Amino acid sequence: MKRIGLIDIDMKNKIMHFLFLSCLKATELIEKKLHFKLTIKEKIQLELHKMMCDACSMYEDQSEIIEEGIKKHLHGTPSENGETEKLKGQIKIKLQEHHH
């Protein structure tokens, strides 16, 4: 069994696998976090990954903004929903005017 310092290579690989995520796995956890509670292990892994990966940190920020927009749209007050319908109608009229 090969050793690096005090840790054998297999143990090092297990630690690395536990601590470090791929960007794909990190984005999965980011999306999961929006709807479910992450385990302690997942939280640690995600935070460690984001400390090293600006792209995933930005992805998380963007996902949170999108999620807030969706929630606001779906659960908006009737007046907000009415404004949306009014805006949709104006857009349809403009498209019809432009198309004819």
PDB file of N, CA and C in Angstrom:
ATOM      1  N   MET A   1       0.847  -1.169   0.000  1.00  0.00           N
ATOM      2  CA  MET A   1       0.000   0.000   0.000  1.00  0.00           C
ATOM      3  C   MET A   1       0.897   1.239   0.000  1.00  0.00           C
ATOM      4  N   LYS A   2       0.714   2.100  -0.992  1.00  0.00           N
ATOM      5  CA  LYS A   2       1.511   3.323  -1.066  1.00  0.00           C
ATOM      6  C   LYS A   2       1.052   4.306  -0.007  1.00  0.00           C
ATOM      7  N   ARG A   3       2.014   5.068   0.509  1.00  0.00           N
ATOM      8  CA  ARG A   3       1.700   6.056   1.529  1.00  0.00           C
ATOM      9  C   ARG A   3       2.217   7.417   1.091  1.00  0.00           C
ATOM     10  N   ILE A   4       1.439   8.440   1.410  1.00  0.00           N
ATOM     11  CA  ILE A   4       1.867   9.822   1.221  1.00  0.00           C
ATOM     12  C   ILE A   4       1.864  10.420   2.617  1.00  0.00           C
ATOM     13  N   GLY A   5       3.031  10.677   3.156  1.00  0.00           N
ATOM     14  CA  GLY A   5       3.102  11.180   4.520  1.00  0.00           C
ATOM     15  C   GLY A   5       2.503  10.145   5.452  1.00  0.00           C
ATOM     16  N   LEU A   6       1.524  10.531   6.244  1.00  0.00           N
ATOM     17  CA  LEU A   6       0.895   9.629   7.206  1.00  0.00           C
ATOM     18  C   LEU A   6      -0.353   8.950   6.657  1.00  0.00           C
ATOM     19  N   ILE A   7      -0.806   9.354   5.444  1.00  0.00           N
ATOM     20  CA  ILE A   7      -2.059   8.847   4.891  1.00  0.00           C
ATOM     21  C   ILE A   7      -1.781   7.984   3.664  1.00  0.00           C
ATOM     22  N   ASP A   8      -2.386   6.792   3.607  1.00  0.00           N
ATOM     23  CA  ASP A   8      -2.223   5.978   2.407  1.00  0.00           C
ATOM     24  C   ASP A   8      -3.058   6.565   1.273  1.00  0.00           C
ATOM     25  N   ILE A   9      -2.741   6.197   0.057  1.00  0.00           N
ATOM     26  CA  ILE A   9      -3.375   6.771  -1.129  1.00  0.00           C
ATOM     27  C   ILE A   9      -4.880   6.506  -1.146  1.00  0.00           C
ATOM     28  N   ASP A  10      -5.320   5.310  -0.757  1.00  0.00           N
ATOM     29  CA  ASP A  10      -6.751   5.010  -0.739  1.00  0.00           C
ATOM     30  C   ASP A  10      -7.501   5.941   0.212  1.00  0.00           C
ATOM     31  N   MET A  11      -6.915   6.165   1.375  1.00  0.00           N
ATOM     32  CA  MET A  11      -7.551   7.049   2.354  1.00  0.00           C
ATOM     33  C   MET A  11      -7.603   8.473   1.805  1.00  0.00           C
ATOM     34  N   LYS A  12      -6.521   8.911   1.154  1.00  0.00           N
ATOM     35  CA  LYS A  12      -6.486  10.250   0.567  1.00  0.00           C
ATOM     36  C   LYS A  12      -7.590  10.385  -0.472  1.00  0.00           C
ATOM     37  N   ASN A  13      -7.750   9.381  -1.323  1.00  0.00           N
ATOM     38  CA  ASN A  13      -8.790   9.426  -2.358  1.00  0.00           C
ATOM     39  C   ASN A  13     -10.187   9.471  -1.742  1.00  0.00           C
ATOM     40  N   LYS A  14     -10.402   8.720  -0.668  1.00  0.00           N
ATOM     41  CA  LYS A  14     -11.703   8.735   0.002  1.00  0.00           C
ATOM     42  C   LYS A  14     -11.996  10.111   0.590  1.00  0.00           C
ATOM     43  N   ILE A  15     -10.991  10.729   1.189  1.00  0.00           N
ATOM     44  CA  ILE A  15     -11.162  12.070   1.758  1.00  0.00           C
ATOM     45  C   ILE A  15     -11.452  13.066   0.650  1.00  0.00           C
ATOM     46  N   MET A  16     -10.702  13.002  -0.445  1.00  0.00           N
ATOM     47  CA  MET A  16     -10.905  13.917  -1.574  1.00  0.00           C
ATOM     48  C   MET A  16     -12.312  13.739  -2.146  1.00  0.00           C
ATOM     49  N   HIS A  17     -12.744  12.496  -2.291  1.00  0.00           N
ATOM     50  CA  HIS A  17     -14.075  12.221  -2.843  1.00  0.00           C
ATOM     51  C   HIS A  17     -15.157  12.766  -1.919  1.00  0.00           C
ATOM     52  N   PHE A  18     -14.941  12.650  -0.610  1.00  0.00           N
ATOM     53  CA  PHE A  18     -15.919  13.148   0.355  1.00  0.00           C
ATOM     54  C   PHE A  18     -15.993  14.671   0.328  1.00  0.00           C
ATOM     55  N   LEU A  19     -14.852  15.330   0.247  1.00  0.00           N
ATOM     56  CA  LEU A  19     -14.797  16.778   0.373  1.00  0.00           C
ATOM     57  C   LEU A  19     -15.122  17.527  -0.911  1.00  0.00           C
ATOM     58  N   PHE A  20     -14.696  17.018  -2.054  1.00  0.00           N
ATOM     59  CA  PHE A  20     -14.770  17.794  -3.282  1.00  0.00           C
ATOM     60  C   PHE A  20     -15.801  17.238  -4.252  1.00  0.00           C
ATOM     61  N   LEU A  21     -16.634  18.145  -4.737  1.00  0.00           N
ATOM     62  CA  LEU A  21     -17.698  17.795  -5.673  1.00  0.00           C
ATOM     63  C   LEU A  21     -17.346  18.245  -7.082  1.00  0.00           C
ATOM     64  N   SER A  22     -17.938  17.612  -8.061  1.00  0.00           N
ATOM     65  CA  SER A  22     -17.881  18.121  -9.431  1.00  0.00           C
ATOM     66  C   SER A  22     -18.866  19.281  -9.527  1.00  0.00           C
ATOM     67  N   CYS A  23     -18.716  20.104 -10.542  1.00  0.00           N
ATOM     68  CA  CYS A  23     -19.672  21.202 -10.750  1.00  0.00           C
ATOM     69  C   CYS A  23     -21.075  20.647 -10.991  1.00  0.00           C
ATOM     70  N   LEU A  24     -21.186  19.529 -11.673  1.00  0.00           N
ATOM     71  CA  LEU A  24     -22.493  18.916 -11.922  1.00  0.00           C
ATOM     72  C   LEU A  24     -23.178  18.570 -10.603  1.00  0.00           C
ATOM     73  N   LYS A  25     -22.453  17.920  -9.701  1.00  0.00           N
ATOM     74  CA  LYS A  25     -23.021  17.546  -8.408  1.00  0.00           C
ATOM     75  C   LYS A  25     -23.326  18.795  -7.584  1.00  0.00           C
ATOM     76  N   ALA A  26     -22.455  19.813  -7.652  1.00  0.00           N
ATOM     77  CA  ALA A  26     -22.685  21.060  -6.913  1.00  0.00           C
ATOM     78  C   ALA A  26     -23.971  21.731  -7.383  1.00  0.00           C
ATOM     79  N   THR A  27     -24.195  21.788  -8.698  1.00  0.00           N
ATOM     80  CA  THR A  27     -25.421  22.423  -9.200  1.00  0.00           C
ATOM     81  C   THR A  27     -26.662  21.614  -8.813  1.00  0.00           C
ATOM     82  N   GLU A  28     -26.525  20.307  -8.748  1.00  0.00           N
ATOM     83  CA  GLU A  28     -27.643  19.478  -8.287  1.00  0.00           C
ATOM     84  C   GLU A  28     -27.991  19.837  -6.843  1.00  0.00           C
ATOM     85  N   LEU A  29     -26.969  20.007  -6.004  1.00  0.00           N
ATOM     86  CA  LEU A  29     -27.210  20.359  -4.605  1.00  0.00           C
ATOM     87  C   LEU A  29     -27.778  21.772  -4.473  1.00  0.00           C
ATOM     88  N   ILE A  30     -27.327  22.677  -5.339  1.00  0.00           N
ATOM     89  CA  ILE A  30     -27.860  24.045  -5.328  1.00  0.00           C
ATOM     90  C   ILE A  30     -29.357  24.019  -5.609  1.00  0.00           C
ATOM     91  N   GLU A  31     -29.766  23.265  -6.603  1.00  0.00           N
ATOM     92  CA  GLU A  31     -31.185  23.156  -6.937  1.00  0.00           C
ATOM     93  C   GLU A  31     -31.958  22.446  -5.830  1.00  0.00           C
ATOM     94  N   LYS A  32     -31.376  21.400  -5.292  1.00  0.00           N
ATOM     95  CA  LYS A  32     -32.020  20.669  -4.190  1.00  0.00           C
ATOM     96  C   LYS A  32     -32.233  21.592  -3.001  1.00  0.00           C
ATOM     97  N   LYS A  33     -31.230  22.426  -2.709  1.00  0.00           N
ATOM     98  CA  LYS A  33     -31.274  23.337  -1.563  1.00  0.00           C
ATOM     99  C   LYS A  33     -32.432  24.330  -1.663  1.00  0.00           C
ATOM    100  N   LEU A  34     -32.864  24.651  -2.862  1.00  0.00           N
ATOM    101  CA  LEU A  34     -33.972  25.583  -3.047  1.00  0.00           C
ATOM    102  C   LEU A  34     -35.305  25.012  -2.560  1.00  0.00           C
ATOM    103  N   HIS A  35     -35.406  23.678  -2.504  1.00  0.00           N
ATOM    104  CA  HIS A  35     -36.685  23.046  -2.194  1.00  0.00           C
ATOM    105  C   HIS A  35     -36.650  22.092  -1.004  1.00  0.00           C
ATOM    106  N   PHE A  36     -35.450  21.648  -0.642  1.00  0.00           N
ATOM    107  CA  PHE A  36     -35.309  20.668   0.429  1.00  0.00           C
ATOM    108  C   PHE A  36     -34.140  21.046   1.332  1.00  0.00           C
ATOM    109  N   LYS A  37     -34.124  20.456   2.494  1.00  0.00           N
ATOM    110  CA  LYS A  37     -33.019  20.683   3.430  1.00  0.00           C
ATOM    111  C   LYS A  37     -31.874  19.738   3.062  1.00  0.00           C
ATOM    112  N   LEU A  38     -30.662  20.301   2.969  1.00  0.00           N
ATOM    113  CA  LEU A  38     -29.487  19.483   2.674  1.00  0.00           C
ATOM    114  C   LEU A  38     -28.987  18.815   3.953  1.00  0.00           C
ATOM    115  N   THR A  39     -28.332  17.673   3.783  1.00  0.00           N
ATOM    116  CA  THR A  39     -27.697  17.028   4.928  1.00  0.00           C
ATOM    117  C   THR A  39     -26.463  17.838   5.315  1.00  0.00           C
ATOM    118  N   ILE A  40     -25.945  17.581   6.483  1.00  0.00           N
ATOM    119  CA  ILE A  40     -24.721  18.270   6.934  1.00  0.00           C
ATOM    120  C   ILE A  40     -23.594  18.009   5.935  1.00  0.00           C
ATOM    121  N   LYS A  41     -23.467  16.771   5.507  1.00  0.00           N
ATOM    122  CA  LYS A  41     -22.423  16.407   4.539  1.00  0.00           C
ATOM    123  C   LYS A  41     -22.579  17.213   3.250  1.00  0.00           C
ATOM    124  N   GLU A  42     -23.804  17.292   2.734  1.00  0.00           N
ATOM    125  CA  GLU A  42     -24.055  18.041   1.498  1.00  0.00           C
ATOM    126  C   GLU A  42     -23.744  19.528   1.670  1.00  0.00           C
ATOM    127  N   LYS A  43     -24.138  20.090   2.821  1.00  0.00           N
ATOM    128  CA  LYS A  43     -23.856  21.501   3.087  1.00  0.00           C
ATOM    129  C   LYS A  43     -22.353  21.767   3.073  1.00  0.00           C
ATOM    130  N   ILE A  44     -21.596  20.921   3.754  1.00  0.00           N
ATOM    131  CA  ILE A  44     -20.136  21.087   3.818  1.00  0.00           C
ATOM    132  C   ILE A  44     -19.532  20.954   2.425  1.00  0.00           C
ATOM    133  N   GLN A  45     -19.933  19.919   1.706  1.00  0.00           N
ATOM    134  CA  GLN A  45     -19.398  19.706   0.363  1.00  0.00           C
ATOM    135  C   GLN A  45     -19.698  20.891  -0.543  1.00  0.00           C
ATOM    136  N   LEU A  46     -20.922  21.392  -0.493  1.00  0.00           N
ATOM    137  CA  LEU A  46     -21.315  22.501  -1.360  1.00  0.00           C
ATOM    138  C   LEU A  46     -20.545  23.769  -0.989  1.00  0.00           C
ATOM    139  N   GLU A  47     -20.445  24.067   0.284  1.00  0.00           N
ATOM    140  CA  GLU A  47     -19.722  25.273   0.700  1.00  0.00           C
ATOM    141  C   GLU A  47     -18.245  25.194   0.316  1.00  0.00           C
ATOM    142  N   LEU A  48     -17.620  24.041   0.502  1.00  0.00           N
ATOM    143  CA  LEU A  48     -16.217  23.878   0.090  1.00  0.00           C
ATOM    144  C   LEU A  48     -16.059  24.072  -1.411  1.00  0.00           C
ATOM    145  N   HIS A  49     -16.985  23.510  -2.172  1.00  0.00           N
ATOM    146  CA  HIS A  49     -16.922  23.635  -3.625  1.00  0.00           C
ATOM    147  C   HIS A  49     -17.053  25.101  -4.043  1.00  0.00           C
ATOM    148  N   LYS A  50     -18.036  25.804  -3.456  1.00  0.00           N
ATOM    149  CA  LYS A  50     -18.264  27.205  -3.838  1.00  0.00           C
ATOM    150  C   LYS A  50     -17.097  28.106  -3.440  1.00  0.00           C
ATOM    151  N   MET A  51     -16.358  27.731  -2.404  1.00  0.00           N
ATOM    152  CA  MET A  51     -15.183  28.514  -2.017  1.00  0.00           C
ATOM    153  C   MET A  51     -14.127  28.492  -3.121  1.00  0.00           C
ATOM    154  N   MET A  52     -14.127  27.419  -3.913  1.00  0.00           N
ATOM    155  CA  MET A  52     -13.125  27.269  -4.968  1.00  0.00           C
ATOM    156  C   MET A  52     -13.669  27.538  -6.362  1.00  0.00           C
ATOM    157  N   CYS A  53     -14.995  27.648  -6.492  1.00  0.00           N
ATOM    158  CA  CYS A  53     -15.596  27.713  -7.827  1.00  0.00           C
ATOM    159  C   CYS A  53     -16.529  28.919  -7.943  1.00  0.00           C
ATOM    160  N   ASP A  54     -16.049  29.961  -8.599  1.00  0.00           N
ATOM    161  CA  ASP A  54     -16.863  31.166  -8.803  1.00  0.00           C
ATOM    162  C   ASP A  54     -18.084  30.887  -9.676  1.00  0.00           C
ATOM    163  N   ALA A  55     -17.932  29.999 -10.647  1.00  0.00           N
ATOM    164  CA  ALA A  55     -19.043  29.703 -11.555  1.00  0.00           C
ATOM    165  C   ALA A  55     -20.231  29.120 -10.788  1.00  0.00           C
ATOM    166  N   CYS A  56     -19.978  28.208  -9.877  1.00  0.00           N
ATOM    167  CA  CYS A  56     -21.072  27.604  -9.113  1.00  0.00           C
ATOM    168  C   CYS A  56     -21.658  28.601  -8.105  1.00  0.00           C
ATOM    169  N   SER A  57     -20.821  29.482  -7.581  1.00  0.00           N
ATOM    170  CA  SER A  57     -21.333  30.531  -6.686  1.00  0.00           C
ATOM    171  C   SER A  57     -22.277  31.449  -7.446  1.00  0.00           C
ATOM    172  N   MET A  58     -21.902  31.819  -8.662  1.00  0.00           N
ATOM    173  CA  MET A  58     -22.769  32.661  -9.485  1.00  0.00           C
ATOM    174  C   MET A  58     -24.038  31.908  -9.880  1.00  0.00           C
ATOM    175  N   TYR A  59     -23.896  30.620 -10.181  1.00  0.00           N
ATOM    176  CA  TYR A  59     -25.052  29.794 -10.526  1.00  0.00           C
ATOM    177  C   TYR A  59     -26.048  29.789  -9.371  1.00  0.00           C
ATOM    178  N   GLU A  60     -25.542  29.670  -8.147  1.00  0.00           N
ATOM    179  CA  GLU A  60     -26.430  29.669  -6.988  1.00  0.00           C
ATOM    180  C   GLU A  60     -27.159  31.006  -6.862  1.00  0.00           C
ATOM    181  N   ASP A  61     -26.438  32.109  -7.025  1.00  0.00           N
ATOM    182  CA  ASP A  61     -27.062  33.433  -6.959  1.00  0.00           C
ATOM    183  C   ASP A  61     -28.162  33.567  -8.003  1.00  0.00           C
ATOM    184  N   GLN A  62     -27.873  33.139  -9.226  1.00  0.00           N
ATOM    185  CA  GLN A  62     -28.851  33.242 -10.314  1.00  0.00           C
ATOM    186  C   GLN A  62     -30.055  32.334 -10.059  1.00  0.00           C
ATOM    187  N   SER A  63     -29.812  31.143  -9.539  1.00  0.00           N
ATOM    188  CA  SER A  63     -30.905  30.214  -9.251  1.00  0.00           C
ATOM    189  C   SER A  63     -31.838  30.782  -8.191  1.00  0.00           C
ATOM    190  N   GLU A  64     -31.256  31.436  -7.191  1.00  0.00           N
ATOM    191  CA  GLU A  64     -32.078  32.034  -6.133  1.00  0.00           C
ATOM    192  C   GLU A  64     -32.929  33.174  -6.687  1.00  0.00           C
ATOM    193  N   ILE A  65     -32.363  33.983  -7.571  1.00  0.00           N
ATOM    194  CA  ILE A  65     -33.110  35.087  -8.181  1.00  0.00           C
ATOM    195  C   ILE A  65     -34.261  34.539  -9.025  1.00  0.00           C
ATOM    196  N   ILE A  66     -33.978  33.523  -9.823  1.00  0.00           N
ATOM    197  CA  ILE A  66     -35.017  32.909 -10.665  1.00  0.00           C
ATOM    198  C   ILE A  66     -36.115  32.311  -9.793  1.00  0.00           C
ATOM    199  N   GLU A  67     -35.727  31.607  -8.742  1.00  0.00           N
ATOM    200  CA  GLU A  67     -36.699  30.980  -7.848  1.00  0.00           C
ATOM    201  C   GLU A  67     -37.586  32.031  -7.190  1.00  0.00           C
ATOM    202  N   GLU A  68     -37.004  33.136  -6.754  1.00  0.00           N
ATOM    203  CA  GLU A  68     -37.787  34.222  -6.155  1.00  0.00           C
ATOM    204  C   GLU A  68     -38.775  34.793  -7.174  1.00  0.00           C
ATOM    205  N   GLY A  69     -38.330  34.968  -8.414  1.00  0.00           N
ATOM    206  CA  GLY A  69     -39.214  35.477  -9.463  1.00  0.00           C
ATOM    207  C   GLY A  69     -40.376  34.543  -9.733  1.00  0.00           C
ATOM    208  N   ILE A  70     -40.096  33.267  -9.770  1.00  0.00           N
ATOM    209  CA  ILE A  70     -41.153  32.277 -10.004  1.00  0.00           C
ATOM    210  C   ILE A  70     -42.156  32.300  -8.856  1.00  0.00           C
ATOM    211  N   LYS A  71     -41.651  32.298  -7.625  1.00  0.00           N
ATOM    212  CA  LYS A  71     -42.550  32.322  -6.465  1.00  0.00           C
ATOM    213  C   LYS A  71     -43.395  33.591  -6.460  1.00  0.00           C
ATOM    214  N   LYS A  72     -42.767  34.711  -6.770  1.00  0.00           N
ATOM    215  CA  LYS A  72     -43.507  35.976  -6.788  1.00  0.00           C
ATOM    216  C   LYS A  72     -44.588  35.932  -7.860  1.00  0.00           C
ATOM    217  N   HIS A  73     -44.262  35.384  -9.012  1.00  0.00           N
ATOM    218  CA  HIS A  73     -45.237  35.301 -10.111  1.00  0.00           C
ATOM    219  C   HIS A  73     -46.382  34.358  -9.755  1.00  0.00           C
ATOM    220  N   LEU A  74     -46.046  33.201  -9.195  1.00  0.00           N
ATOM    221  CA  LEU A  74     -47.077  32.212  -8.883  1.00  0.00           C
ATOM    222  C   LEU A  74     -47.925  32.602  -7.682  1.00  0.00           C
ATOM    223  N   HIS A  75     -47.321  33.286  -6.741  1.00  0.00           N
ATOM    224  CA  HIS A  75     -48.028  33.613  -5.503  1.00  0.00           C
ATOM    225  C   HIS A  75     -48.248  35.109  -5.352  1.00  0.00           C
ATOM    226  N   GLY A  76     -48.200  35.818  -6.471  1.00  0.00           N
ATOM    227  CA  GLY A  76     -48.378  37.271  -6.430  1.00  0.00           C
ATOM    228  C   GLY A  76     -49.785  37.654  -6.038  1.00  0.00           C
ATOM    229  N   THR A  77     -49.926  38.890  -5.661  1.00  0.00           N
ATOM    230  CA  THR A  77     -51.252  39.386  -5.307  1.00  0.00           C
ATOM    231  C   THR A  77     -52.091  39.499  -6.576  1.00  0.00           C
ATOM    232  N   PRO A  78     -53.413  39.501  -6.450  1.00  0.00           N
ATOM    233  CA  PRO A  78     -54.269  39.620  -7.642  1.00  0.00           C
ATOM    234  C   PRO A  78     -53.953  40.852  -8.475  1.00  0.00           C
ATOM    235  N   SER A  79     -53.592  41.955  -7.824  1.00  0.00           N
ATOM    236  CA  SER A  79     -53.292  43.164  -8.598  1.00  0.00           C
ATOM    237  C   SER A  79     -52.041  42.960  -9.444  1.00  0.00           C
ATOM    238  N   GLU A  80     -51.042  42.233  -8.872  1.00  0.00           N
ATOM    239  CA  GLU A  80     -49.837  41.951  -9.658  1.00  0.00           C
ATOM    240  C   GLU A  80     -50.176  41.045 -10.835  1.00  0.00           C
ATOM    241  N   ASN A  81     -50.998  40.026 -10.578  1.00  0.00           N
ATOM    242  CA  ASN A  81     -51.400  39.121 -11.652  1.00  0.00           C
ATOM    243  C   ASN A  81     -52.216  39.855 -12.701  1.00  0.00           C
ATOM    244  N   GLY A  82     -53.050  40.802 -12.270  1.00  0.00           N
ATOM    245  CA  GLY A  82     -53.829  41.605 -13.200  1.00  0.00           C
ATOM    246  C   GLY A  82     -52.931  42.457 -14.074  1.00  0.00           C
ATOM    247  N   GLU A  83     -51.888  43.008 -13.493  1.00  0.00           N
ATOM    248  CA  GLU A  83     -50.919  43.801 -14.254  1.00  0.00           C
ATOM    249  C   GLU A  83     -50.227  42.928 -15.296  1.00  0.00           C
ATOM    250  N   THR A  84     -49.943  41.704 -14.920  1.00  0.00           N
ATOM    251  CA  THR A  84     -49.302  40.775 -15.860  1.00  0.00           C
ATOM    252  C   THR A  84     -50.215  40.506 -17.042  1.00  0.00           C
ATOM    253  N   GLU A  85     -51.486  40.273 -16.762  1.00  0.00           N
ATOM    254  CA  GLU A  85     -52.444  40.008 -17.834  1.00  0.00           C
ATOM    255  C   GLU A  85     -52.609  41.236 -18.724  1.00  0.00           C
ATOM    256  N   LYS A  86     -52.622  42.402 -18.126  1.00  0.00           N
ATOM    257  CA  LYS A  86     -52.721  43.648 -18.889  1.00  0.00           C
ATOM    258  C   LYS A  86     -51.512  43.791 -19.812  1.00  0.00           C
ATOM    259  N   LEU A  87     -50.339  43.505 -19.273  1.00  0.00           N
ATOM    260  CA  LEU A  87     -49.107  43.586 -20.064  1.00  0.00           C
ATOM    261  C   LEU A  87     -49.134  42.566 -21.207  1.00  0.00           C
ATOM    262  N   LYS A  88     -49.597  41.356 -20.921  1.00  0.00           N
ATOM    263  CA  LYS A  88     -49.706  40.333 -21.973  1.00  0.00           C
ATOM    264  C   LYS A  88     -50.614  40.815 -23.100  1.00  0.00           C
ATOM    265  N   GLY A  89     -51.736  41.425 -22.728  1.00  0.00           N
ATOM    266  CA  GLY A  89     -52.673  41.942 -23.730  1.00  0.00           C
ATOM    267  C   GLY A  89     -52.040  43.014 -24.591  1.00  0.00           C
ATOM    268  N   GLN A  90     -51.288  43.912 -23.981  1.00  0.00           N
ATOM    269  CA  GLN A  90     -50.611  44.973 -24.729  1.00  0.00           C
ATOM    270  C   GLN A  90     -49.580  44.386 -25.693  1.00  0.00           C
ATOM    271  N   ILE A  91     -48.867  43.368 -25.241  1.00  0.00           N
ATOM    272  CA  ILE A  91     -47.870  42.723 -26.098  1.00  0.00           C
ATOM    273  C   ILE A  91     -48.547  42.056 -27.294  1.00  0.00           C
ATOM    274  N   LYS A  92     -49.659  41.366 -27.049  1.00  0.00           N
ATOM    275  CA  LYS A  92     -50.394  40.708 -28.135  1.00  0.00           C
ATOM    276  C   LYS A  92     -50.869  41.723 -29.170  1.00  0.00           C
ATOM    277  N   ILE A  93     -51.384  42.860 -28.687  1.00  0.00           N
ATOM    278  CA  ILE A  93     -51.849  43.912 -29.611  1.00  0.00           C
ATOM    279  C   ILE A  93     -50.695  44.415 -30.463  1.00  0.00           C
ATOM    280  N   LYS A  94     -49.563  44.688 -29.828  1.00  0.00           N
ATOM    281  CA  LYS A  94     -48.384  45.183 -30.564  1.00  0.00           C
ATOM    282  C   LYS A  94     -47.906  44.149 -31.582  1.00  0.00           C
ATOM    283  N   LEU A  95     -47.920  42.881 -31.202  1.00  0.00           N
ATOM    284  CA  LEU A  95     -47.501  41.828 -32.140  1.00  0.00           C
ATOM    285  C   LEU A  95     -48.454  41.742 -33.322  1.00  0.00           C
ATOM    286  N   GLN A  96     -49.760  41.849 -33.056  1.00  0.00           N
ATOM    287  CA  GLN A  96     -50.740  41.805 -34.137  1.00  0.00           C
ATOM    288  C   GLN A  96     -50.592  43.006 -35.059  1.00  0.00           C
ATOM    289  N   GLU A  97     -50.356  44.189 -34.494  1.00  0.00           N
ATOM    290  CA  GLU A  97     -50.158  45.399 -35.306  1.00  0.00           C
ATOM    291  C   GLU A  97     -48.921  45.254 -36.171  1.00  0.00           C
ATOM    292  N   HIS A  98     -47.875  44.699 -35.599  1.00  0.00           N
ATOM    293  CA  HIS A  98     -46.616  44.523 -36.312  1.00  0.00           C
ATOM    294  C   HIS A  98     -46.728  43.452 -37.401  1.00  0.00           C
ATOM    295  N   HIS A  99     -47.546  42.446 -37.134  1.00  0.00           N
ATOM    296  CA  HIS A  99     -47.680  41.305 -38.045  1.00  0.00           C
ATOM    297  C   HIS A  99     -48.549  41.680 -39.247  1.00  0.00           C
ATOM    298  N   HIS A 100     -49.453  42.623 -39.114  1.00  0.00           N
ATOM    299  CA  HIS A 100     -50.376  42.982 -40.217  1.00  0.00           C
ATOM    300  C   HIS A 100     -49.842  44.084 -41.024  1.00  0.00           C
TER     301      HIS A 100
END
